[in-house]
């Protein structure tokens, strides 16, 4: 539920390799973002995750995030 008047945040996490995906990297990234948001009174309204190289911007979740904004 979106709280009126509270600043909102969208999270974006990404890994490039299978090793990173199998490790804790995505969980760690999201945990760190959520902790930051909590400390700064930001309401998380979405989380987008890509499991591919950041070499180009043609990434499914990145595009969804961009379109949402």
N, C-alpha and C. Protein backbone atom coordinates (compact mmCIF):
# COMPACT_ATOMS: atom_id res chain seq x y z
N UNK A 1 0.84 -1.18 0.00
CA UNK A 1 0.00 0.00 0.00
C UNK A 1 0.88 1.24 0.00
N UNK A 2 0.59 2.18 -0.86
CA UNK A 2 1.35 3.41 -0.96
C UNK A 2 0.82 4.41 0.05
N UNK A 3 1.73 4.94 0.86
CA UNK A 3 1.36 5.90 1.89
C UNK A 3 1.43 7.31 1.31
N UNK A 4 0.35 8.04 1.41
CA UNK A 4 0.32 9.39 0.87
C UNK A 4 1.26 10.30 1.65
N UNK A 5 2.04 11.10 0.92
CA UNK A 5 2.93 12.06 1.52
C UNK A 5 4.32 11.52 1.82
N UNK A 6 4.51 10.22 1.80
CA UNK A 6 5.81 9.63 2.07
C UNK A 6 6.59 9.50 0.76
N UNK A 7 7.87 9.79 0.81
CA UNK A 7 8.69 9.64 -0.40
C UNK A 7 8.80 8.16 -0.74
N UNK A 8 8.80 7.89 -2.04
CA UNK A 8 8.80 6.51 -2.52
C UNK A 8 10.09 6.19 -3.25
N UNK A 9 10.41 4.91 -3.30
CA UNK A 9 11.63 4.46 -3.96
C UNK A 9 11.36 3.21 -4.79
N UNK A 10 12.05 3.12 -5.91
CA UNK A 10 12.07 1.92 -6.74
C UNK A 10 13.48 1.35 -6.65
N UNK A 11 13.58 0.06 -6.47
CA UNK A 11 14.89 -0.58 -6.36
C UNK A 11 15.23 -1.28 -7.66
N UNK A 12 16.52 -1.25 -8.01
CA UNK A 12 17.00 -1.95 -9.20
C UNK A 12 18.27 -2.70 -8.84
N UNK A 13 18.22 -4.02 -8.97
CA UNK A 13 19.39 -4.85 -8.71
C UNK A 13 19.76 -5.57 -9.99
N UNK A 14 21.07 -5.88 -10.12
CA UNK A 14 21.51 -6.53 -11.34
C UNK A 14 22.78 -7.31 -11.08
N UNK A 15 22.88 -8.45 -11.72
CA UNK A 15 24.12 -9.22 -11.76
C UNK A 15 24.44 -9.54 -13.21
N UNK A 16 25.73 -9.76 -13.48
CA UNK A 16 26.16 -10.01 -14.86
C UNK A 16 26.46 -11.48 -15.12
N UNK A 17 26.84 -12.20 -14.08
CA UNK A 17 27.31 -13.56 -14.28
C UNK A 17 26.48 -14.57 -13.51
N UNK A 18 26.55 -15.81 -13.95
CA UNK A 18 25.87 -16.90 -13.27
C UNK A 18 26.41 -17.07 -11.84
N UNK A 19 27.71 -16.87 -11.66
CA UNK A 19 28.30 -16.98 -10.33
C UNK A 19 27.68 -15.97 -9.37
N UNK A 20 27.50 -14.74 -9.84
CA UNK A 20 26.88 -13.72 -9.01
C UNK A 20 25.43 -14.06 -8.71
N UNK A 21 24.74 -14.60 -9.72
CA UNK A 21 23.33 -14.95 -9.55
C UNK A 21 23.17 -16.07 -8.52
N UNK A 22 24.05 -17.04 -8.56
CA UNK A 22 23.96 -18.17 -7.64
C UNK A 22 24.41 -17.79 -6.24
N UNK A 23 25.22 -16.76 -6.12
CA UNK A 23 25.67 -16.30 -4.82
C UNK A 23 24.60 -15.45 -4.17
N UNK A 24 25.01 -14.68 -3.19
CA UNK A 24 24.06 -13.86 -2.44
C UNK A 24 23.99 -12.43 -2.96
N UNK A 25 24.58 -12.17 -4.12
CA UNK A 25 24.71 -10.80 -4.60
C UNK A 25 23.38 -10.07 -4.75
N UNK A 26 22.40 -10.69 -5.39
CA UNK A 26 21.11 -10.03 -5.58
C UNK A 26 20.41 -9.80 -4.25
N UNK A 27 20.42 -10.80 -3.40
CA UNK A 27 19.81 -10.64 -2.08
C UNK A 27 20.51 -9.54 -1.28
N UNK A 28 21.83 -9.52 -1.36
CA UNK A 28 22.60 -8.52 -0.64
C UNK A 28 22.28 -7.10 -1.15
N UNK A 29 22.24 -6.95 -2.47
CA UNK A 29 21.92 -5.64 -3.04
C UNK A 29 20.55 -5.16 -2.56
N UNK A 30 19.56 -6.03 -2.67
CA UNK A 30 18.21 -5.64 -2.27
C UNK A 30 18.16 -5.33 -0.77
N UNK A 31 18.82 -6.14 0.03
CA UNK A 31 18.83 -5.91 1.47
C UNK A 31 19.44 -4.54 1.80
N UNK A 32 20.55 -4.23 1.13
CA UNK A 32 21.20 -2.94 1.38
C UNK A 32 20.31 -1.78 0.95
N UNK A 33 19.66 -1.89 -0.18
CA UNK A 33 18.74 -0.84 -0.64
C UNK A 33 17.57 -0.67 0.33
N UNK A 34 17.00 -1.79 0.77
CA UNK A 34 15.86 -1.71 1.69
C UNK A 34 16.27 -1.10 3.04
N UNK A 35 17.46 -1.46 3.51
CA UNK A 35 17.95 -0.85 4.75
C UNK A 35 18.12 0.65 4.59
N UNK A 36 18.67 1.08 3.47
CA UNK A 36 18.84 2.50 3.20
C UNK A 36 17.48 3.21 3.21
N UNK A 37 16.52 2.61 2.53
CA UNK A 37 15.19 3.20 2.45
C UNK A 37 14.55 3.30 3.83
N UNK A 38 14.71 2.27 4.62
CA UNK A 38 14.13 2.29 5.97
C UNK A 38 14.77 3.40 6.82
N UNK A 39 16.09 3.51 6.74
CA UNK A 39 16.80 4.54 7.52
C UNK A 39 16.42 5.96 7.09
N UNK A 40 16.01 6.10 5.82
CA UNK A 40 15.72 7.41 5.28
C UNK A 40 14.23 7.65 5.03
N UNK A 41 13.41 6.82 5.66
CA UNK A 41 11.94 6.96 5.60
C UNK A 41 11.41 6.99 4.16
N UNK A 42 11.94 6.10 3.34
CA UNK A 42 11.47 5.95 1.97
C UNK A 42 10.62 4.68 1.87
N UNK A 43 9.52 4.78 1.20
CA UNK A 43 8.64 3.63 1.01
C UNK A 43 9.01 2.92 -0.30
N UNK A 44 9.38 1.65 -0.21
CA UNK A 44 9.72 0.88 -1.40
C UNK A 44 8.43 0.46 -2.08
N UNK A 45 8.27 0.88 -3.34
CA UNK A 45 7.04 0.56 -4.08
C UNK A 45 7.29 -0.42 -5.21
N UNK A 46 8.55 -0.80 -5.43
CA UNK A 46 8.84 -1.78 -6.46
C UNK A 46 10.29 -2.18 -6.45
N UNK A 47 10.55 -3.38 -6.92
CA UNK A 47 11.92 -3.88 -7.02
C UNK A 47 12.07 -4.57 -8.37
N UNK A 48 13.05 -4.17 -9.13
CA UNK A 48 13.30 -4.70 -10.45
C UNK A 48 14.68 -5.36 -10.46
N UNK A 49 14.77 -6.54 -11.07
CA UNK A 49 16.02 -7.30 -11.07
C UNK A 49 16.33 -7.81 -12.46
N UNK A 50 17.57 -7.56 -12.90
CA UNK A 50 18.06 -8.11 -14.16
C UNK A 50 19.22 -9.05 -13.88
N UNK A 51 19.27 -10.11 -14.66
CA UNK A 51 20.35 -11.09 -14.53
C UNK A 51 21.07 -11.17 -15.87
N UNK A 52 21.66 -10.04 -16.26
CA UNK A 52 22.37 -9.97 -17.52
C UNK A 52 23.35 -8.81 -17.49
N UNK A 53 24.20 -8.76 -18.47
CA UNK A 53 25.25 -7.74 -18.53
C UNK A 53 24.66 -6.34 -18.58
N UNK A 54 25.36 -5.42 -17.95
CA UNK A 54 24.95 -4.02 -17.98
C UNK A 54 25.57 -3.28 -19.14
N UNK A 55 26.15 -4.01 -20.07
CA UNK A 55 26.84 -3.41 -21.21
C UNK A 55 25.92 -2.53 -22.05
N UNK A 56 24.67 -2.93 -22.17
CA UNK A 56 23.73 -2.11 -22.92
C UNK A 56 22.46 -1.89 -22.09
N UNK A 57 21.60 -1.06 -22.57
CA UNK A 57 20.40 -0.71 -21.81
C UNK A 57 19.18 -1.54 -22.23
N UNK A 58 19.36 -2.52 -23.08
CA UNK A 58 18.26 -3.36 -23.54
C UNK A 58 18.05 -4.52 -22.57
N UNK A 59 17.71 -4.15 -21.33
CA UNK A 59 17.47 -5.14 -20.28
C UNK A 59 16.00 -5.04 -19.85
N UNK A 60 15.34 -6.18 -19.80
CA UNK A 60 13.89 -6.24 -19.58
C UNK A 60 13.43 -5.43 -18.36
N UNK A 61 13.99 -5.70 -17.21
CA UNK A 61 13.54 -5.02 -15.99
C UNK A 61 13.97 -3.56 -15.95
N UNK A 62 15.12 -3.26 -16.51
CA UNK A 62 15.55 -1.87 -16.59
C UNK A 62 14.56 -1.06 -17.42
N UNK A 63 14.12 -1.62 -18.52
CA UNK A 63 13.14 -0.96 -19.38
C UNK A 63 11.81 -0.80 -18.65
N UNK A 64 11.37 -1.85 -17.92
CA UNK A 64 10.12 -1.72 -17.13
C UNK A 64 10.23 -0.61 -16.10
N UNK A 65 11.37 -0.54 -15.41
CA UNK A 65 11.61 0.51 -14.42
C UNK A 65 11.57 1.87 -15.09
N UNK A 66 12.27 2.02 -16.19
CA UNK A 66 12.32 3.28 -16.91
C UNK A 66 10.92 3.71 -17.34
N UNK A 67 10.14 2.78 -17.85
CA UNK A 67 8.77 3.10 -18.28
C UNK A 67 7.86 3.46 -17.11
N UNK A 68 8.09 2.85 -15.96
CA UNK A 68 7.30 3.15 -14.78
C UNK A 68 7.53 4.59 -14.34
N UNK A 69 8.79 4.99 -14.36
CA UNK A 69 9.15 6.33 -13.94
C UNK A 69 8.61 7.32 -14.95
